[in-house]
């Protein structure tokens, strides 16, 4: 009856009464789909008939009433005065205005009623006439109308036996950025109704459905940067989307894709099987503000996230605005988290302003390796960091795994460049700047206040070849062999001492010192046995002191970086309410 009143397409209890009295099951079939088993209605469904992971079985559905207005009366003259509510409702009765919902603060400072939108003006004038004396004397400060609202109702016969139902409902509204204007709950606890803005109706309804596992947890996704990493991310989402919906109730709907020059904004989920071909047909000039507005407001999905798969400082300059507006953010882009410390703190403040919007960046360090999440877990469980050492560059890891002094270092660089292990200009890798950014990010994670300029960096680029405007890539590669002797000497000294050269980032937490250096390590050390282009990080804490916690694996490459971003997307879905168990 509750759902039927709210306009839902359901069988009314009066229709089902004969079957209910005789305890006869009712099966509803679709005449347009004869093969479908339909829906069976029984007094007590079996375990098999219920959603496997839903513990909120008392919640049966949601519905809305559109085009509603709130009539709000407030003022100190209401406090402790008998008959205020009756006068208000009698005035509405005399004007033939139906009162849909009533709410009053326990302080008695305000009382409001929801009425049909077309009757809002009549209702407001009727209440103003009823309290004319109190308004003239200032005992009532205002009788106001709030237009363009709707009522969302949650209905279930057994909600009274389930603690936390209201909390879960309102938490889902908070996470979706939906403001509740008024609410009411009957003592039978079969119905919880609340008022939201009309423009939030679809978002609120989807958030409520997903929160109680009555539908998938749908997230509106925008991907900025559709190159190597972004393209791999879209392929991974495409490959897993069916499994995520089936097993976990997670529906990642890509609604926008952008490059530095073009973007595609779609009203419907983009087909990821053909996105490359479709992009060219639908693309317009890129506008990141418009993209953010589209995925956040132009869809009816309760949550929005932007995946920045670029290395652009221009894109990272939008982070503050996006987070402040409640748009979640996932990125491997290191620019924001290694930038000025004040900007770093401003991003965290923006998260709090944006309904605690989430900012995940596991792929900032180590691509898909669980480095940042492990550090956070250790800190949250009370551990204290003493030191972090790591080989954080896949390119430099490869170079020094290949270089032992028997071949010139410049030959190894040329080989790596030819194989695609380095940037088009190898100086971007050899300068150590990227390693320094990762050091700054991890140092800030463990609580150090560090600026990028505070980190001394041992650059492997000869100073005379560092100026990219004066020395192009071809000239750099031709001139680099002239500077092989120094590194060859260091490699020979390391070999004689049964050691290997490693290009490492160091965070001395105790002494609050960071550095990027070329160091020697014994062959039996964890760093000495490194192979290929792997990254490795040693986390030395009070708990892991004599034997540091070691994380090792591929730290570069489009697929593993995209996997790190994808994992953050799924981590976000968990924070937004997606179940952790399979269906």
Protein backbone atom coordinates (compact mmCIF):
# COMPACT_ATOMS: atom_id res chain seq x y z
CA UNK A 1 0.00 0.00 0.00
CA UNK A 2 2.88 2.37 0.80
CA UNK A 3 4.48 1.90 -2.62
CA UNK A 4 1.13 2.07 -4.39
CA UNK A 5 0.39 5.41 -2.70
CA UNK A 6 3.68 6.76 -4.00
CA UNK A 7 2.75 5.84 -7.54
CA UNK A 8 4.86 2.73 -8.01
CA UNK A 9 3.64 0.13 -10.52
CA UNK A 10 2.86 -2.57 -7.97
CA UNK A 11 -0.08 -4.79 -7.06
CA UNK A 12 -2.17 -3.15 -4.36
CA UNK A 13 -2.68 -5.25 -1.19
CA UNK A 14 -6.46 -5.20 -1.73
CA UNK A 15 -5.88 -6.99 -5.04
CA UNK A 16 -3.77 -9.64 -3.36
CA UNK A 17 -5.97 -10.04 -0.28
CA UNK A 18 -7.66 -13.36 -1.30
CA UNK A 19 -4.33 -15.00 -2.05
CA UNK A 20 -2.82 -13.63 1.16
CA UNK A 21 -5.67 -15.04 3.26
CA UNK A 22 -5.21 -18.51 1.80
CA UNK A 23 -1.38 -18.28 1.81
CA UNK A 24 -1.35 -18.84 -1.95
CA UNK A 25 1.83 -17.77 -3.81
CA UNK A 26 1.39 -15.24 -6.60
CA UNK A 27 3.55 -15.36 -9.71
CA UNK A 28 3.71 -12.27 -11.95
CA UNK A 29 4.58 -13.00 -15.58
CA UNK A 30 5.41 -10.68 -18.45
CA UNK A 31 3.16 -11.23 -21.48
CA UNK A 32 5.86 -9.67 -23.66
CA UNK A 33 8.48 -12.18 -22.42
CA UNK A 34 6.88 -15.58 -22.01
CA UNK A 35 10.20 -17.30 -21.34
CA UNK A 36 10.91 -15.21 -18.26
CA UNK A 37 10.18 -16.94 -14.91
CA UNK A 38 8.74 -13.66 -13.63
CA UNK A 39 8.40 -12.72 -9.97
CA UNK A 40 6.93 -14.86 -7.21
CA UNK A 41 5.28 -13.31 -4.15
CA UNK A 42 5.15 -15.42 -0.97
CA UNK A 43 4.70 -14.77 2.71
CA UNK A 44 8.27 -15.78 3.59
CA UNK A 45 10.84 -16.04 0.79
CA UNK A 46 13.55 -18.66 1.03
CA UNK A 47 17.25 -17.93 1.30
CA UNK A 48 17.66 -18.80 -2.39
CA UNK A 49 15.09 -16.21 -3.43
CA UNK A 50 16.76 -13.33 -1.60
CA UNK A 51 19.80 -11.38 -2.81
CA UNK A 52 22.76 -13.41 -1.54
CA UNK A 53 24.63 -10.54 0.08
CA UNK A 54 21.74 -8.29 1.14
CA UNK A 55 21.29 -8.19 4.89
CA UNK A 56 18.63 -5.50 4.54
CA UNK A 57 15.86 -7.86 3.46
CA UNK A 58 13.19 -5.77 5.15
CA UNK A 59 13.64 -3.03 2.54
CA UNK A 60 11.44 -3.87 -0.43
CA UNK A 61 11.49 -0.82 -2.61
CA UNK A 62 11.71 2.91 -3.21
CA UNK A 63 9.39 5.32 -4.91
CA UNK A 64 9.00 9.06 -5.35
CA UNK A 65 6.36 11.78 -5.52
CA UNK A 66 7.30 14.52 -7.96
CA UNK A 67 6.41 18.21 -8.03
CA UNK A 68 6.23 18.85 -4.30
CA UNK A 69 6.71 22.08 -2.35
CA UNK A 70 7.57 22.64 1.32
CA UNK A 71 5.68 25.15 3.45
CA UNK A 72 7.99 26.10 6.32
CA UNK A 73 6.92 28.00 9.43
CA UNK A 74 9.57 29.07 11.92
CA UNK A 75 10.02 31.44 14.82
CA UNK A 76 10.47 31.65 18.58
CA UNK A 77 6.72 32.17 18.98
CA UNK A 78 6.16 28.50 18.20
CA UNK A 79 8.09 27.21 21.19
CA UNK A 80 5.84 25.75 23.87
CA UNK A 81 2.64 27.14 22.36
CA UNK A 82 -0.16 24.53 22.07
CA UNK A 83 -2.21 24.34 18.89
CA UNK A 84 0.33 25.64 16.39
CA UNK A 85 0.28 22.47 14.28
CA UNK A 86 -3.52 22.23 14.36
CA UNK A 87 -3.88 25.85 13.19
CA UNK A 88 -1.48 25.26 10.32
CA UNK A 89 -3.19 22.07 9.16
CA UNK A 90 -6.67 23.51 9.60
CA UNK A 91 -5.66 26.43 7.38
CA UNK A 92 -4.51 23.93 4.73
CA UNK A 93 -7.75 21.95 5.15
CA UNK A 94 -9.88 25.06 4.66
CA UNK A 95 -8.00 25.80 1.43
CA UNK A 96 -8.47 22.20 0.22
CA UNK A 97 -4.72 21.60 0.19
CA UNK A 98 -3.56 18.02 0.77
CA UNK A 99 -0.70 17.63 3.22
CA UNK A 100 1.63 14.86 2.01
CA UNK A 101 4.33 14.92 4.70
CA UNK A 102 4.80 16.65 8.07
CA UNK A 103 8.02 17.33 9.99
CA UNK A 104 8.69 19.33 13.15
CA UNK A 105 11.92 20.04 15.00
CA UNK A 106 11.98 18.83 18.61
CA UNK A 107 12.89 22.36 19.67
CA UNK A 108 9.49 23.44 18.26
CA UNK A 109 11.23 26.32 16.50
CA UNK A 110 10.00 25.19 13.07
CA UNK A 111 7.37 23.04 11.44
CA UNK A 112 6.97 22.19 7.78
CA UNK A 113 4.54 20.43 5.52
CA UNK A 114 4.96 19.05 2.02
CA UNK A 115 2.13 19.91 -0.36
CA UNK A 116 1.53 19.37 -4.09
CA UNK A 117 3.58 21.84 -6.13
CA UNK A 118 0.62 23.41 -7.98
CA UNK A 119 -1.00 24.24 -4.62
CA UNK A 120 2.10 25.78 -3.06
CA UNK A 121 1.06 29.41 -3.48
CA UNK A 122 -2.46 28.75 -2.13
CA UNK A 123 -1.02 26.84 0.82
CA UNK A 124 1.52 29.54 1.68
CA UNK A 125 -1.09 32.32 1.65
CA UNK A 126 -3.47 30.23 3.77
CA UNK A 127 -0.81 29.65 6.43
CA UNK A 128 0.23 33.32 6.35
CA UNK A 129 -3.41 34.33 7.01
CA UNK A 130 -3.65 31.86 9.87
CA UNK A 131 -0.57 33.32 11.58
CA UNK A 132 -1.00 36.97 10.58
CA UNK A 133 -0.92 38.27 14.16
CA UNK A 134 2.19 36.27 15.04
CA UNK A 135 3.90 37.47 11.86
CA UNK A 136 3.02 41.10 12.60
CA UNK A 137 4.32 40.78 16.17
CA UNK A 138 7.53 39.04 15.09
CA UNK A 139 6.74 35.86 17.02
CA UNK A 140 6.92 33.96 13.75
CA UNK A 141 9.85 35.07 11.63
CA UNK A 142 8.75 33.61 8.31
CA UNK A 143 6.31 31.47 6.39
CA UNK A 144 8.27 30.36 3.34
CA UNK A 145 7.81 28.12 0.34
CA UNK A 146 10.52 25.84 -0.98
CA UNK A 147 9.57 24.89 -4.53
CA UNK A 148 10.86 22.22 -6.91
CA UNK A 149 11.12 19.35 -4.44
CA UNK A 150 10.23 15.68 -4.50
CA UNK A 151 9.60 13.06 -1.84
CA UNK A 152 11.49 9.77 -1.82
CA UNK A 153 10.05 6.94 0.24
CA UNK A 154 11.70 3.73 1.40
CA UNK A 155 9.21 0.98 2.11
CA UNK A 156 9.47 -2.43 3.76
CA UNK A 157 7.38 -4.55 6.09
CA UNK A 158 10.23 -5.72 8.33
CA UNK A 159 12.39 -2.62 8.63
CA UNK A 160 11.54 -2.29 12.32
CA UNK A 161 13.60 -5.41 13.05
CA UNK A 162 16.73 -4.13 11.25
CA UNK A 163 18.88 -1.61 13.15
CA UNK A 164 20.77 0.84 10.97
CA UNK A 165 18.32 1.06 8.07
CA UNK A 166 17.86 4.82 8.42
CA UNK A 167 21.58 5.34 8.94
CA UNK A 168 22.40 3.44 5.76
CA UNK A 169 19.81 5.38 3.79
CA UNK A 170 21.00 8.79 4.93
CA UNK A 171 24.65 7.79 4.53
CA UNK A 172 23.94 6.93 0.90
CA UNK A 173 22.46 10.41 0.41
CA UNK A 174 25.53 12.00 1.99
CA UNK A 175 27.89 10.04 -0.24
CA UNK A 176 25.88 11.02 -3.30
CA UNK A 177 25.96 14.69 -2.31
CA UNK A 178 22.18 14.90 -1.88
CA UNK A 179 20.85 17.33 0.73
CA UNK A 180 17.75 16.26 2.70
CA UNK A 181 15.30 19.13 3.38
CA UNK A 182 12.86 17.27 5.66
CA UNK A 183 12.08 13.70 6.71
CA UNK A 184 9.36 11.70 8.44
CA UNK A 185 9.04 8.15 9.71
CA UNK A 186 5.93 6.41 11.01
CA UNK A 187 6.04 4.49 14.27
CA UNK A 188 5.34 1.27 12.36
CA UNK A 189 8.75 1.78 10.66
CA UNK A 190 7.33 0.53 7.38
CA UNK A 191 8.01 3.84 5.62
CA UNK A 192 10.78 6.41 5.81
CA UNK A 193 10.13 9.45 3.62
CA UNK A 194 12.28 12.48 3.00
CA UNK A 195 12.29 15.57 0.81
CA UNK A 196 15.06 16.43 -1.66
CA UNK A 197 15.46 18.89 -4.51
CA UNK A 198 13.71 17.79 -7.70
CA UNK A 199 17.00 17.92 -9.60
CA UNK A 200 18.44 15.34 -7.18
CA UNK A 201 15.58 12.85 -7.56
CA UNK A 202 17.24 10.42 -9.96
CA UNK A 203 20.60 10.63 -8.17
CA UNK A 204 18.96 10.04 -4.77
CA UNK A 205 16.87 7.13 -6.03
CA UNK A 206 19.84 5.38 -7.63
CA UNK A 207 21.98 5.92 -4.53
CA UNK A 208 19.28 4.47 -2.28
CA UNK A 209 18.73 1.46 -4.54
CA UNK A 210 22.45 0.69 -4.70
CA UNK A 211 22.93 1.18 -0.97
CA UNK A 212 20.44 -1.58 -0.19
CA UNK A 213 21.65 -3.80 -3.03
CA UNK A 214 18.36 -3.46 -4.92
CA UNK A 215 20.37 -2.35 -7.95
CA UNK A 216 24.01 -2.09 -9.00
CA UNK A 217 26.34 0.52 -7.51
CA UNK A 218 26.51 2.78 -10.58
CA UNK A 219 29.38 5.24 -10.97
CA UNK A 220 29.72 7.84 -13.71
CA UNK A 221 33.31 7.68 -15.00
CA UNK A 222 35.25 10.25 -17.00
CA UNK A 223 38.66 9.30 -18.41
CA UNK A 224 41.07 12.15 -19.15
CA UNK A 225 44.00 10.97 -21.24
CA UNK A 226 43.14 8.12 -23.61
CA UNK A 227 46.71 7.37 -24.65
CA UNK A 228 48.77 4.39 -23.57
CA UNK A 229 47.66 4.20 -19.92
CA UNK A 230 44.15 5.55 -20.46
CA UNK A 231 43.58 3.20 -23.38
CA UNK A 232 44.74 0.22 -21.30
CA UNK A 233 42.41 1.28 -18.47
CA UNK A 234 39.40 1.41 -20.81
CA UNK A 235 40.28 -2.04 -22.14
CA UNK A 236 40.52 -3.45 -18.61
CA UNK A 237 37.18 -1.93 -17.59
CA UNK A 238 35.60 -3.35 -20.74
CA UNK A 239 36.97 -6.83 -20.02
CA UNK A 240 35.77 -6.86 -16.41
CA UNK A 241 32.51 -4.89 -16.57
CA UNK A 242 30.18 -7.89 -16.93
CA UNK A 243 31.92 -9.78 -14.11
CA UNK A 244 31.85 -6.74 -11.81
CA UNK A 245 28.11 -6.27 -12.32
CA UNK A 246 27.33 -9.94 -11.88
CA UNK A 247 29.57 -10.77 -8.93
CA UNK A 248 29.83 -7.49 -7.02
CA UNK A 249 26.99 -5.27 -8.21
CA UNK A 250 29.43 -2.60 -9.48
CA UNK A 251 28.49 -0.76 -12.67
CA UNK A 252 31.27 1.48 -13.98
CA UNK A 253 29.66 3.60 -16.70
CA UNK A 254 32.17 5.55 -18.77
CA UNK A 255 30.34 8.73 -19.80
CA UNK A 256 33.26 10.88 -20.98
CA UNK A 257 36.66 10.41 -22.65
CA UNK A 258 39.07 13.29 -23.30
CA UNK A 259 42.44 13.95 -24.82
CA UNK A 260 44.35 17.22 -24.64
CA UNK A 261 42.43 18.52 -27.66
CA UNK A 262 39.18 16.58 -27.98
CA UNK A 263 36.53 15.03 -25.77
CA UNK A 264 33.43 12.90 -26.11
CA UNK A 265 30.56 13.46 -23.67
CA UNK A 266 27.91 10.76 -23.85
CA UNK A 267 24.42 10.72 -22.34
CA UNK A 268 24.54 6.92 -22.31
CA UNK A 269 27.32 4.55 -21.19
CA UNK A 270 30.03 4.49 -23.87
CA UNK A 271 30.53 1.15 -25.60
CA UNK A 272 34.13 0.36 -24.71
CA UNK A 273 34.41 -2.28 -27.42
CA UNK A 274 34.32 0.41 -30.12
CA UNK A 275 35.28 3.57 -28.26
CA UNK A 276 38.29 4.39 -30.44
CA UNK A 277 36.22 4.46 -33.63
CA UNK A 278 33.25 6.19 -31.98
CA UNK A 279 35.44 8.82 -30.34
CA UNK A 280 36.40 10.42 -33.62
CA UNK A 281 32.78 10.55 -34.74
CA UNK A 282 31.50 12.25 -31.57
CA UNK A 283 34.48 14.29 -30.34
CA UNK A 284 34.30 18.04 -29.81
CA UNK A 285 36.85 20.52 -28.53
CA UNK A 286 38.14 19.55 -25.10
CA UNK A 287 36.83 21.49 -22.09
CA UNK A 288 37.58 19.86 -18.73
CA UNK A 289 35.12 22.04 -16.81
CA UNK A 290 32.35 20.96 -19.14
CA UNK A 291 33.45 17.33 -18.82
CA UNK A 292 33.29 17.53 -15.02
CA UNK A 293 29.83 19.12 -15.12
CA UNK A 294 28.64 16.44 -17.52
CA UNK A 295 29.63 13.38 -15.51
CA UNK A 296 28.51 14.99 -12.25
CA UNK A 297 25.22 16.67 -13.15
CA UNK A 298 24.15 15.57 -16.63
CA UNK A 299 23.72 11.95 -15.64
CA UNK A 300 21.32 10.50 -13.11
CA UNK A 301 24.07 8.43 -11.49
CA UNK A 302 24.68 9.05 -7.79
CA UNK A 303 28.49 9.17 -7.95
CA UNK A 304 31.04 10.62 -10.36
CA UNK A 305 34.78 10.00 -10.69
CA UNK A 306 37.45 11.36 -13.02
CA UNK A 307 40.43 9.17 -13.91
CA UNK A 308 43.32 11.42 -14.91
CA UNK A 309 45.64 9.17 -16.90
CA UNK A 310 47.91 12.00 -18.02
CA UNK A 311 51.13 13.42 -16.63
CA UNK A 312 49.85 16.95 -17.24
CA UNK A 313 50.21 19.77 -14.75
CA UNK A 314 47.38 21.55 -16.58
CA UNK A 315 44.98 18.70 -15.79
CA UNK A 316 46.13 18.46 -12.17
CA UNK A 317 45.30 22.16 -11.72
CA UNK A 318 41.60 21.16 -11.92
CA UNK A 319 41.81 18.72 -9.00
CA UNK A 320 40.90 21.28 -6.35
CA UNK A 321 37.75 22.31 -8.21
CA UNK A 322 36.67 18.73 -8.88
CA UNK A 323 37.16 17.51 -5.32
CA UNK A 324 35.39 20.58 -3.88
CA UNK A 325 32.33 19.77 -5.99
CA UNK A 326 32.12 16.20 -4.74
CA UNK A 327 33.72 14.56 -7.79
CA UNK A 328 36.00 11.70 -6.84
CA UNK A 329 39.46 11.44 -8.36
CA UNK A 330 41.75 8.55 -9.33
CA UNK A 331 45.11 9.19 -10.98
CA UNK A 332 48.69 8.04 -11.62
CA UNK A 333 49.61 11.72 -12.26
CA UNK A 334 52.31 12.71 -9.76
CA UNK A 335 52.24 16.47 -10.34
CA UNK A 336 49.65 17.44 -7.71
CA UNK A 337 50.95 15.29 -4.84
CA UNK A 338 54.56 16.37 -5.38
CA UNK A 339 53.78 20.05 -5.97
CA UNK A 340 53.96 22.89 -3.41
CA UNK A 341 53.01 21.70 0.07
CA UNK A 342 50.31 24.35 0.42
CA UNK A 343 48.61 23.06 -2.73
CA UNK A 344 48.93 19.55 -1.35
CA UNK A 345 47.09 20.54 1.84
CA UNK A 346 44.50 22.50 -0.14
CA UNK A 347 43.56 19.34 -2.00
CA UNK A 348 42.86 17.58 1.30
CA UNK A 349 40.74 20.52 2.45
CA UNK A 350 38.89 20.39 -0.87
CA UNK A 351 38.03 16.75 -0.18
CA UNK A 352 36.35 17.70 3.08
CA UNK A 353 34.42 20.50 1.39
CA UNK A 354 33.22 18.12 -1.31
CA UNK A 355 31.23 15.80 1.00
CA UNK A 356 34.47 13.93 1.77
CA UNK A 357 35.16 13.23 -1.90
CA UNK A 358 37.77 10.53 -2.39
CA UNK A 359 41.23 10.98 -3.91
CA UNK A 360 43.11 7.78 -4.77
CA UNK A 361 46.59 7.73 -6.29
CA UNK A 362 48.14 4.32 -5.65
CA UNK A 363 49.71 4.42 -9.13
CA UNK A 364 51.69 7.58 -8.25
CA UNK A 365 54.47 5.29 -7.00
CA UNK A 366 55.23 1.82 -8.31
CA UNK A 367 52.44 1.69 -10.93
CA UNK A 368 50.21 -1.16 -9.72
CA UNK A 369 52.33 -2.15 -6.71
CA UNK A 370 50.50 -1.72 -3.35
CA UNK A 371 53.00 0.72 -1.87
CA UNK A 372 50.89 3.70 -0.78
CA UNK A 373 48.03 1.53 0.50
CA UNK A 374 50.48 -0.56 2.54
CA UNK A 375 52.01 2.57 4.05
CA UNK A 376 48.55 3.82 5.02
CA UNK A 377 47.58 0.48 6.55
CA UNK A 378 50.74 0.47 8.68
CA UNK A 379 50.16 4.03 9.87
CA UNK A 380 46.49 3.44 10.66
CA UNK A 381 47.34 0.39 12.76
CA UNK A 382 49.76 2.43 14.86
CA UNK A 383 53.11 1.54 13.31
CA UNK A 384 55.80 4.25 12.99
CA UNK A 385 58.14 4.61 10.04
CA UNK A 386 61.89 4.77 10.46
CA UNK A 387 63.13 4.68 6.87
CA UNK A 388 61.99 4.00 3.32
CA UNK A 389 64.42 2.99 0.56
CA UNK A 390 63.43 2.13 -2.95
CA UNK A 391 64.33 1.66 -6.57
CA UNK A 392 61.42 3.68 -7.91
CA UNK A 393 62.27 3.97 -11.61
CA UNK A 394 61.71 1.04 -13.93
CA UNK A 395 63.99 2.63 -16.51
CA UNK A 396 66.88 3.20 -14.09
CA UNK A 397 66.33 -0.23 -12.58
CA UNK A 398 66.79 -1.78 -16.04
CA UNK A 399 69.86 0.36 -16.82
CA UNK A 400 71.74 -0.61 -13.66
CA UNK A 401 70.66 -4.24 -13.84
CA UNK A 402 72.30 -4.34 -17.29
CA UNK A 403 75.29 -2.13 -16.48
CA UNK A 404 78.21 -3.79 -14.71
CA UNK A 405 81.08 -1.87 -16.27
CA UNK A 406 81.87 -4.40 -18.99
CA UNK A 407 79.94 -2.30 -21.51
CA UNK A 408 79.80 1.51 -21.64
CA UNK A 409 76.85 3.06 -19.86
CA UNK A 410 75.97 5.03 -23.01
CA UNK A 411 75.55 1.75 -24.92
CA UNK A 412 73.09 0.51 -22.30
CA UNK A 413 71.13 3.79 -22.54
CA UNK A 414 71.00 3.53 -26.33
CA UNK A 415 69.82 -0.09 -26.07
CA UNK A 416 67.11 0.86 -23.56
CA UNK A 417 65.97 3.77 -25.75
CA UNK A 418 65.74 1.51 -28.77
CA UNK A 419 63.69 -1.02 -26.77
CA UNK A 420 61.30 1.69 -25.59
CA UNK A 421 62.30 1.48 -21.92
CA UNK A 422 63.18 5.17 -21.70
CA UNK A 423 61.30 8.35 -22.47
CA UNK A 424 61.85 9.71 -26.01
CA UNK A 425 64.41 11.98 -24.36
CA UNK A 426 66.35 9.73 -21.94
CA UNK A 427 67.39 12.78 -19.92
CA UNK A 428 63.90 12.78 -18.37
CA UNK A 429 64.77 9.43 -16.78
CA UNK A 430 68.46 10.06 -16.12
CA UNK A 431 67.85 13.38 -14.38
CA UNK A 432 66.23 11.62 -11.40
CA UNK A 433 63.40 14.19 -11.29
CA UNK A 434 60.71 11.51 -11.52
CA UNK A 435 62.27 9.56 -8.65
CA UNK A 436 62.41 12.75 -6.59
CA UNK A 437 58.67 13.30 -7.08
CA UNK A 438 57.95 9.78 -5.85
CA UNK A 439 60.18 10.35 -2.83
CA UNK A 440 58.29 13.53 -1.98
CA UNK A 441 54.93 11.75 -2.29
CA UNK A 442 55.94 8.92 0.04
CA UNK A 443 57.60 11.31 2.49
CA UNK A 444 54.36 13.27 2.76
CA UNK A 445 52.41 10.05 3.25
CA UNK A 446 54.45 9.29 6.39
CA UNK A 447 54.00 12.81 7.73
CA UNK A 448 57.07 14.75 6.58
CA UNK A 449 56.70 18.30 5.30
CA UNK A 450 58.88 18.15 2.21
CA UNK A 451 59.13 20.32 -0.89
CA UNK A 452 60.50 18.97 -4.15
CA UNK A 453 63.36 21.47 -4.02
CA UNK A 454 64.36 20.12 -0.59
CA UNK A 455 65.40 16.78 -2.09
CA UNK A 456 69.04 16.58 -3.28
CA UNK A 457 69.16 14.63 -6.54
CA UNK A 458 72.18 12.92 -8.11
CA UNK A 459 71.53 13.53 -11.79
CA UNK A 460 73.11 11.14 -14.29
CA UNK A 461 72.90 13.76 -17.04
CA UNK A 462 76.23 15.55 -17.60
CA UNK A 463 75.73 19.25 -16.86
CA UNK A 464 77.01 20.26 -20.29
CA UNK A 465 74.27 18.15 -21.93
CA UNK A 466 71.38 19.07 -19.62
CA UNK A 467 69.99 22.05 -21.54
CA UNK A 468 67.34 20.54 -23.84
CA UNK A 469 66.99 23.76 -25.83
CA UNK A 470 70.67 23.83 -26.75
CA UNK A 471 71.26 20.09 -26.94
CA UNK A 472 68.64 18.02 -28.76
CA UNK A 473 68.15 14.29 -28.23
CA UNK A 474 70.30 13.24 -31.15
CA UNK A 475 73.20 15.40 -29.99
CA UNK A 476 72.80 14.13 -26.43
CA UNK A 477 73.04 10.50 -27.51
CA UNK A 478 76.09 11.27 -29.65
CA UNK A 479 77.89 13.14 -26.85
CA UNK A 480 76.99 10.81 -23.96
CA UNK A 481 79.85 8.28 -24.60
CA UNK A 482 82.37 11.00 -23.68
CA UNK A 483 81.18 10.75 -20.07
CA UNK A 484 81.25 6.96 -19.66
CA UNK A 485 84.51 6.78 -17.71
CA UNK A 486 83.17 8.00 -14.36
CA UNK A 487 80.32 5.48 -14.21
CA UNK A 488 82.51 2.68 -15.54
CA UNK A 489 84.97 3.34 -12.71
CA UNK A 490 82.16 3.25 -10.13
CA UNK A 491 80.84 0.00 -11.58
CA UNK A 492 84.28 -1.62 -11.48
CA UNK A 493 84.80 -0.58 -7.84
CA UNK A 494 81.39 -2.06 -6.97
CA UNK A 495 82.18 -5.30 -8.80
CA UNK A 496 85.45 -5.77 -6.95
CA UNK A 497 83.64 -5.27 -3.64
CA UNK A 498 80.94 -7.81 -4.61
CA UNK A 499 78.41 -5.02 -4.89
CA UNK A 500 76.08 -3.48 -7.45
CA UNK A 501 75.14 0.06 -8.32
CA UNK A 502 71.53 1.05 -7.69
CA UNK A 503 69.75 4.36 -8.28
CA UNK A 504 67.61 4.80 -5.17
CA UNK A 505 65.29 7.15 -3.35
CA UNK A 506 65.88 7.49 0.38
CA UNK A 507 63.48 8.77 3.06
CA UNK A 508 65.10 8.99 6.49
CA UNK A 509 61.98 9.57 8.57
CA UNK A 510 63.78 9.84 11.91
CA UNK A 511 66.11 12.61 10.73
CA UNK A 512 63.54 14.07 8.29
CA UNK A 513 65.91 13.80 5.34
CA UNK A 514 65.22 12.77 1.76
CA UNK A 515 67.62 12.11 -1.11
CA UNK A 516 67.93 10.56 -4.56
CA UNK A 517 71.34 8.91 -4.92
CA UNK A 518 73.45 6.35 -6.76
CA UNK A 519 74.45 3.81 -4.07
CA UNK A 520 76.30 0.52 -3.83
CA UNK A 521 74.62 -2.56 -2.33
CA UNK A 522 75.95 -6.03 -1.60
CA UNK A 523 74.89 -8.69 -4.09
CA UNK A 524 73.00 -10.54 -1.35
CA UNK A 525 71.01 -7.38 -0.43
CA UNK A 526 67.39 -7.19 -1.63
CA UNK A 527 68.43 -4.47 -4.08
CA UNK A 528 71.41 -6.50 -5.30
CA UNK A 529 69.22 -9.29 -6.62
CA UNK A 530 66.91 -7.00 -8.58
CA UNK A 531 66.26 -8.00 -12.18
CA UNK A 532 64.75 -6.50 -15.31
CA UNK A 533 62.86 -3.26 -14.81
CA UNK A 534 61.34 -4.16 -11.45
CA UNK A 535 60.72 -1.63 -8.71
CA UNK A 536 61.45 -2.52 -5.10
CA UNK A 537 60.78 -0.68 -1.86
CA UNK A 538 61.91 -1.49 1.69
CA UNK A 539 59.64 -0.19 4.45
CA UNK A 540 61.47 -0.11 7.78
CA UNK A 541 59.18 0.57 10.71
CA UNK A 542 59.12 -0.12 14.43
CA UNK A 543 57.41 -3.44 13.71
CA UNK A 544 59.49 -4.22 10.63
CA UNK A 545 62.88 -3.01 11.83
CA UNK A 546 65.38 -5.87 11.68
CA UNK A 547 63.72 -7.25 8.54
CA UNK A 548 62.07 -4.46 6.50
CA UNK A 549 58.79 -5.11 4.71
CA UNK A 550 59.63 -5.61 1.02
CA UNK A 551 57.39 -4.86 -1.96
CA UNK A 552 58.74 -5.79 -5.37
CA UNK A 553 57.39 -6.11 -8.89
CA UNK A 554 56.92 -4.35 -12.22
CA UNK A 555 56.86 -0.62 -11.54
CA UNK A 556 56.33 0.67 -15.06
CA UNK A 557 54.31 -0.14 -18.14
CA UNK A 558 50.86 0.78 -19.40
CA UNK A 559 49.08 -2.40 -18.28
CA UNK A 560 50.33 -2.45 -14.69
CA UNK A 561 49.82 1.31 -14.29
CA UNK A 562 46.28 1.02 -15.64
CA UNK A 563 45.70 -1.91 -13.29
CA UNK A 564 46.71 0.33 -10.38
CA UNK A 565 44.20 2.95 -11.49
CA UNK A 566 41.53 0.27 -11.99
CA UNK A 567 42.17 -1.09 -8.49
CA UNK A 568 41.66 2.41 -7.10
CA UNK A 569 38.36 2.64 -8.99
CA UNK A 570 37.19 -0.55 -7.31
CA UNK A 571 38.48 0.67 -3.96
CA UNK A 572 36.35 3.78 -4.50
CA UNK A 573 33.26 1.65 -5.23
CA UNK A 574 33.79 -0.10 -1.90
CA UNK A 575 33.94 3.21 -0.06
CA UNK A 576 30.70 4.22 -1.78
CA UNK A 577 28.88 1.12 -0.56
CA UNK A 578 29.54 -1.72 -3.01
CA UNK A 579 29.63 -5.10 -1.25
CA UNK A 580 32.96 -6.78 -0.58
CA UNK A 581 31.55 -10.29 -1.05
CA UNK A 582 30.34 -11.86 -4.28
CA UNK A 583 26.70 -12.42 -5.06
